[in-house]
Amino acid sequence: MSCPICDKETDPKYRPFCSKRCADVDLAKWLSGSYAIPSEDPEDLEEAAREAESAPKRPH
């Protein structure tokens, strides 16, 4: 099995990662919201649309 972050061989101590660093990178992605489970719930979709409409516009 290879590390999902860097593809090196996993270390049993940090499985499924190869090191503490890669485990921490993965944790940071979860905490920052980079990982998300998509939702098909109509209420979630409506809330996301409202948030997108009210978000400040950024110039390109």
PDB file of N, CA and C in Angstrom:
ATOM      1  N   MET A   1       0.848  -1.170   0.000  1.00  0.00           N
ATOM      2  CA  MET A   1       0.000   0.000   0.000  1.00  0.00           C
ATOM      3  C   MET A   1       0.897   1.238   0.000  1.00  0.00           C
ATOM      4  N   SER A   2       0.486   2.254  -0.758  1.00  0.00           N
ATOM      5  CA  SER A   2       1.286   3.478  -0.804  1.00  0.00           C
ATOM      6  C   SER A   2       0.551   4.617  -0.085  1.00  0.00           C
ATOM      7  N   CYS A   3       1.324   5.571   0.372  1.00  0.00           N
ATOM      8  CA  CYS A   3       0.819   6.732   1.092  1.00  0.00           C
ATOM      9  C   CYS A   3      -0.098   7.536   0.163  1.00  0.00           C
ATOM     10  N   PRO A   4      -1.302   7.897   0.618  1.00  0.00           N
ATOM     11  CA  PRO A   4      -2.215   8.656  -0.236  1.00  0.00           C
ATOM     12  C   PRO A   4      -1.756  10.097  -0.487  1.00  0.00           C
ATOM     13  N   ILE A   5      -0.786  10.576   0.268  1.00  0.00           N
ATOM     14  CA  ILE A   5      -0.305  11.946   0.099  1.00  0.00           C
ATOM     15  C   ILE A   5       0.881  12.001  -0.869  1.00  0.00           C
ATOM     16  N   CYS A   6       1.888  11.142  -0.662  1.00  0.00           N
ATOM     17  CA  CYS A   6       3.112  11.249  -1.467  1.00  0.00           C
ATOM     18  C   CYS A   6       3.455   9.981  -2.261  1.00  0.00           C
ATOM     19  N   ASP A   7       2.683   8.930  -2.126  1.00  0.00           N
ATOM     20  CA  ASP A   7       2.873   7.659  -2.842  1.00  0.00           C
ATOM     21  C   ASP A   7       4.074   6.831  -2.395  1.00  0.00           C
ATOM     22  N   LYS A   8       4.754   7.198  -1.305  1.00  0.00           N
ATOM     23  CA  LYS A   8       5.822   6.354  -0.770  1.00  0.00           C
ATOM     24  C   LYS A   8       5.196   5.147  -0.064  1.00  0.00           C
ATOM     25  N   GLU A   9       6.024   4.172   0.250  1.00  0.00           N
ATOM     26  CA  GLU A   9       5.564   2.989   0.978  1.00  0.00           C
ATOM     27  C   GLU A   9       5.103   3.398   2.379  1.00  0.00           C
ATOM     28  N   THR A  10       4.018   2.820   2.852  1.00  0.00           N
ATOM     29  CA  THR A  10       3.494   3.199   4.164  1.00  0.00           C
ATOM     30  C   THR A  10       4.344   2.645   5.304  1.00  0.00           C
ATOM     31  N   ASP A  11       4.270   3.324   6.431  1.00  0.00           N
ATOM     32  CA  ASP A  11       4.950   2.908   7.649  1.00  0.00           C
ATOM     33  C   ASP A  11       3.860   2.404   8.594  1.00  0.00           C
ATOM     34  N   PRO A  12       3.987   1.189   9.129  1.00  0.00           N
ATOM     35  CA  PRO A  12       2.946   0.664  10.019  1.00  0.00           C
ATOM     36  C   PRO A  12       2.604   1.614  11.168  1.00  0.00           C
ATOM     37  N   LYS A  13       3.570   2.391  11.629  1.00  0.00           N
ATOM     38  CA  LYS A  13       3.327   3.316  12.735  1.00  0.00           C
ATOM     39  C   LYS A  13       2.348   4.424  12.340  1.00  0.00           C
ATOM     40  N   TYR A  14       2.341   4.823  11.066  1.00  0.00           N
ATOM     41  CA  TYR A  14       1.506   5.937  10.604  1.00  0.00           C
ATOM     42  C   TYR A  14       0.463   5.514   9.571  1.00  0.00           C
ATOM     43  N   ARG A  15       0.303   4.236   9.405  1.00  0.00           N
ATOM     44  CA  ARG A  15      -0.594   3.706   8.380  1.00  0.00           C
ATOM     45  C   ARG A  15      -1.929   4.420   8.377  1.00  0.00           C
ATOM     46  N   PRO A  16      -2.440   4.847   7.247  1.00  0.00           N
ATOM     47  CA  PRO A  16      -2.052   4.515   5.888  1.00  0.00           C
ATOM     48  C   PRO A  16      -1.018   5.469   5.289  1.00  0.00           C
ATOM     49  N   PHE A  17      -0.368   6.254   6.121  1.00  0.00           N
ATOM     50  CA  PHE A  17       0.613   7.224   5.642  1.00  0.00           C
ATOM     51  C   PHE A  17       2.026   6.684   5.819  1.00  0.00           C
ATOM     52  N   CYS A  18       2.998   7.401   5.232  1.00  0.00           N
ATOM     53  CA  CYS A  18       4.388   6.966   5.333  1.00  0.00           C
ATOM     54  C   CYS A  18       5.105   7.655   6.492  1.00  0.00           C
ATOM     55  N   SER A  19       4.544   8.763   6.985  1.00  0.00           N
ATOM     56  CA  SER A  19       5.224   9.535   8.018  1.00  0.00           C
ATOM     57  C   SER A  19       4.223  10.413   8.765  1.00  0.00           C
ATOM     58  N   LYS A  20       4.686  10.974   9.870  1.00  0.00           N
ATOM     59  CA  LYS A  20       3.853  11.912  10.623  1.00  0.00           C
ATOM     60  C   LYS A  20       3.540  13.133   9.782  1.00  0.00           C
ATOM     61  N   ARG A  21       4.525  13.556   8.967  1.00  0.00           N
ATOM     62  CA  ARG A  21       4.319  14.725   8.115  1.00  0.00           C
ATOM     63  C   ARG A  21       3.119  14.517   7.190  1.00  0.00           C
ATOM     64  N   CYS A  22       3.059  13.383   6.506  1.00  0.00           N
ATOM     65  CA  CYS A  22       1.952  13.120   5.589  1.00  0.00           C
ATOM     66  C   CYS A  22       0.629  12.978   6.351  1.00  0.00           C
ATOM     67  N   ALA A  23       0.668  12.380   7.535  1.00  0.00           N
ATOM     68  CA  ALA A  23      -0.540  12.293   8.356  1.00  0.00           C
ATOM     69  C   ALA A  23      -1.021  13.689   8.732  1.00  0.00           C
ATOM     70  N   ASP A  24      -0.079  14.581   9.053  1.00  0.00           N
ATOM     71  CA  ASP A  24      -0.439  15.959   9.409  1.00  0.00           C
ATOM     72  C   ASP A  24      -0.969  16.735   8.202  1.00  0.00           C
ATOM     73  N   VAL A  25      -0.398  16.482   7.032  1.00  0.00           N
ATOM     74  CA  VAL A  25      -0.893  17.127   5.810  1.00  0.00           C
ATOM     75  C   VAL A  25      -2.351  16.718   5.584  1.00  0.00           C
ATOM     76  N   ASP A  26      -2.635  15.441   5.743  1.00  0.00           N
ATOM     77  CA  ASP A  26      -4.001  14.940   5.570  1.00  0.00           C
ATOM     78  C   ASP A  26      -4.943  15.573   6.593  1.00  0.00           C
ATOM     79  N   LEU A  27      -4.519  15.645   7.842  1.00  0.00           N
ATOM     80  CA  LEU A  27      -5.339  16.251   8.892  1.00  0.00           C
ATOM     81  C   LEU A  27      -5.621  17.716   8.556  1.00  0.00           C
ATOM     82  N   ALA A  28      -4.625  18.432   8.087  1.00  0.00           N
ATOM     83  CA  ALA A  28      -4.813  19.842   7.731  1.00  0.00           C
ATOM     84  C   ALA A  28      -5.845  19.997   6.617  1.00  0.00           C
ATOM     85  N   LYS A  29      -5.846  19.062   5.675  1.00  0.00           N
ATOM     86  CA  LYS A  29      -6.841  19.119   4.604  1.00  0.00           C
ATOM     87  C   LYS A  29      -8.248  18.933   5.157  1.00  0.00           C
ATOM     88  N   TRP A  30      -8.407  18.019   6.110  1.00  0.00           N
ATOM     89  CA  TRP A  30      -9.720  17.828   6.729  1.00  0.00           C
ATOM     90  C   TRP A  30     -10.139  19.076   7.499  1.00  0.00           C
ATOM     91  N   LEU A  31      -9.216  19.627   8.274  1.00  0.00           N
ATOM     92  CA  LEU A  31      -9.554  20.774   9.120  1.00  0.00           C
ATOM     93  C   LEU A  31      -9.836  22.040   8.304  1.00  0.00           C
ATOM     94  N   SER A  32      -9.202  22.174   7.153  1.00  0.00           N
ATOM     95  CA  SER A  32      -9.417  23.363   6.329  1.00  0.00           C
ATOM     96  C   SER A  32     -10.656  23.247   5.443  1.00  0.00           C
ATOM     97  N   GLY A  33     -11.223  22.060   5.375  1.00  0.00           N
ATOM     98  CA  GLY A  33     -12.398  21.864   4.532  1.00  0.00           C
ATOM     99  C   GLY A  33     -12.061  21.465   3.109  1.00  0.00           C
ATOM    100  N   SER A  34     -10.793  21.161   2.841  1.00  0.00           N
ATOM    101  CA  SER A  34     -10.412  20.733   1.492  1.00  0.00           C
ATOM    102  C   SER A  34     -11.079  19.423   1.108  1.00  0.00           C
ATOM    103  N   TYR A  35     -11.308  18.567   2.080  1.00  0.00           N
ATOM    104  CA  TYR A  35     -12.029  17.330   1.836  1.00  0.00           C
ATOM    105  C   TYR A  35     -13.483  17.588   2.200  1.00  0.00           C
ATOM    106  N   ALA A  36     -14.375  17.171   1.356  1.00  0.00           N
ATOM    107  CA  ALA A  36     -15.798  17.333   1.646  1.00  0.00           C
ATOM    108  C   ALA A  36     -16.571  16.184   1.009  1.00  0.00           C
ATOM    109  N   ILE A  37     -17.650  15.833   1.636  1.00  0.00           N
ATOM    110  CA  ILE A  37     -18.524  14.804   1.106  1.00  0.00           C
ATOM    111  C   ILE A  37     -19.656  15.517   0.378  1.00  0.00           C
ATOM    112  N   PRO A  38     -19.799  15.289  -0.933  1.00  0.00           N
ATOM    113  CA  PRO A  38     -20.844  15.979  -1.677  1.00  0.00           C
ATOM    114  C   PRO A  38     -22.227  15.610  -1.168  1.00  0.00           C
ATOM    115  N   SER A  39     -23.114  16.566  -1.228  1.00  0.00           N
ATOM    116  CA  SER A  39     -24.483  16.347  -0.769  1.00  0.00           C
ATOM    117  C   SER A  39     -25.453  16.628  -1.905  1.00  0.00           C
ATOM    118  N   GLU A  40     -26.468  15.816  -1.993  1.00  0.00           N
ATOM    119  CA  GLU A  40     -27.542  16.030  -2.966  1.00  0.00           C
ATOM    120  C   GLU A  40     -28.809  16.524  -2.269  1.00  0.00           C
ATOM    121  N   ASP A  41     -28.707  16.814  -0.968  1.00  0.00           N
ATOM    122  CA  ASP A  41     -29.849  17.290  -0.193  1.00  0.00           C
ATOM    123  C   ASP A  41     -30.263  18.665  -0.723  1.00  0.00           C
ATOM    124  N   PRO A  42     -31.524  18.845  -1.136  1.00  0.00           N
ATOM    125  CA  PRO A  42     -31.962  20.131  -1.677  1.00  0.00           C
ATOM    126  C   PRO A  42     -31.703  21.313  -0.734  1.00  0.00           C
ATOM    127  N   GLU A  43     -31.833  21.101   0.572  1.00  0.00           N
ATOM    128  CA  GLU A  43     -31.576  22.182   1.528  1.00  0.00           C
ATOM    129  C   GLU A  43     -30.107  22.608   1.483  1.00  0.00           C
ATOM    130  N   ASP A  44     -29.198  21.647   1.365  1.00  0.00           N
ATOM    131  CA  ASP A  44     -27.771  21.965   1.278  1.00  0.00           C
ATOM    132  C   ASP A  44     -27.466  22.739  -0.004  1.00  0.00           C
ATOM    133  N   LEU A  45     -28.094  22.326  -1.106  1.00  0.00           N
ATOM    134  CA  LEU A  45     -27.873  23.004  -2.378  1.00  0.00           C
ATOM    135  C   LEU A  45     -28.385  24.436  -2.333  1.00  0.00           C
ATOM    136  N   GLU A  46     -29.551  24.649  -1.710  1.00  0.00           N
ATOM    137  CA  GLU A  46     -30.103  25.999  -1.593  1.00  0.00           C
ATOM    138  C   GLU A  46     -29.205  26.873  -0.731  1.00  0.00           C
ATOM    139  N   GLU A  47     -28.714  26.332   0.370  1.00  0.00           N
ATOM    140  CA  GLU A  47     -27.822  27.094   1.254  1.00  0.00           C
ATOM    141  C   GLU A  47     -26.528  27.462   0.529  1.00  0.00           C
ATOM    142  N   ALA A  48     -25.973  26.533  -0.222  1.00  0.00           N
ATOM    143  CA  ALA A  48     -24.747  26.812  -0.972  1.00  0.00           C
ATOM    144  C   ALA A  48     -24.989  27.902  -2.018  1.00  0.00           C
ATOM    145  N   ALA A  49     -26.143  27.867  -2.673  1.00  0.00           N
ATOM    146  CA  ALA A  49     -26.463  28.891  -3.675  1.00  0.00           C
ATOM    147  C   ALA A  49     -26.596  30.265  -3.019  1.00  0.00           C
ATOM    148  N   ARG A  50     -27.243  30.334  -1.854  1.00  0.00           N
ATOM    149  CA  ARG A  50     -27.378  31.612  -1.133  1.00  0.00           C
ATOM    150  C   ARG A  50     -26.012  32.147  -0.730  1.00  0.00           C
ATOM    151  N   GLU A  51     -25.151  31.281  -0.225  1.00  0.00           N
ATOM    152  CA  GLU A  51     -23.809  31.710   0.182  1.00  0.00           C
ATOM    153  C   GLU A  51     -23.007  32.208  -1.019  1.00  0.00           C
ATOM    154  N   ALA A  52     -23.128  31.535  -2.147  1.00  0.00           N
ATOM    155  CA  ALA A  52     -22.389  31.944  -3.341  1.00  0.00           C
ATOM    156  C   ALA A  52     -22.876  33.310  -3.835  1.00  0.00           C
ATOM    157  N   GLU A  53     -24.176  33.545  -3.761  1.00  0.00           N
ATOM    158  CA  GLU A  53     -24.728  34.827  -4.201  1.00  0.00           C
ATOM    159  C   GLU A  53     -24.306  35.974  -3.289  1.00  0.00           C
ATOM    160  N   SER A  54     -24.167  35.699  -1.992  1.00  0.00           N
ATOM    161  CA  SER A  54     -23.842  36.766  -1.048  1.00  0.00           C
ATOM    162  C   SER A  54     -22.351  36.951  -0.847  1.00  0.00           C
ATOM    163  N   ALA A  55     -21.546  36.083  -1.429  1.00  0.00           N
ATOM    164  CA  ALA A  55     -20.084  36.191  -1.285  1.00  0.00           C
ATOM    165  C   ALA A  55     -19.601  37.433  -2.032  1.00  0.00           C
ATOM    166  N   PRO A  56     -18.612  38.137  -1.457  1.00  0.00           N
ATOM    167  CA  PRO A  56     -18.078  39.313  -2.151  1.00  0.00           C
ATOM    168  C   PRO A  56     -17.439  38.912  -3.484  1.00  0.00           C
ATOM    169  N   LYS A  57     -17.664  39.718  -4.479  1.00  0.00           N
ATOM    170  CA  LYS A  57     -17.095  39.455  -5.800  1.00  0.00           C
ATOM    171  C   LYS A  57     -15.640  39.858  -5.826  1.00  0.00           C
ATOM    172  N   ARG A  58     -14.782  38.994  -6.357  1.00  0.00           N
ATOM    173  CA  ARG A  58     -13.349  39.293  -6.472  1.00  0.00           C
ATOM    174  C   ARG A  58     -13.024  39.560  -7.922  1.00  0.00           C
ATOM    175  N   PRO A  59     -12.207  40.567  -8.186  1.00  0.00           N
ATOM    176  CA  PRO A  59     -11.815  40.813  -9.576  1.00  0.00           C
ATOM    177  C   PRO A  59     -10.909  39.689 -10.079  1.00  0.00           C
ATOM    178  N   HIS A  60     -10.963  39.441 -11.365  1.00  0.00           N
ATOM    179  CA  HIS A  60     -10.148  38.364 -11.962  1.00  0.00           C
ATOM    180  C   HIS A  60      -8.747  38.780 -12.092  1.00  0.00           C
TER     181      HIS A  60
END
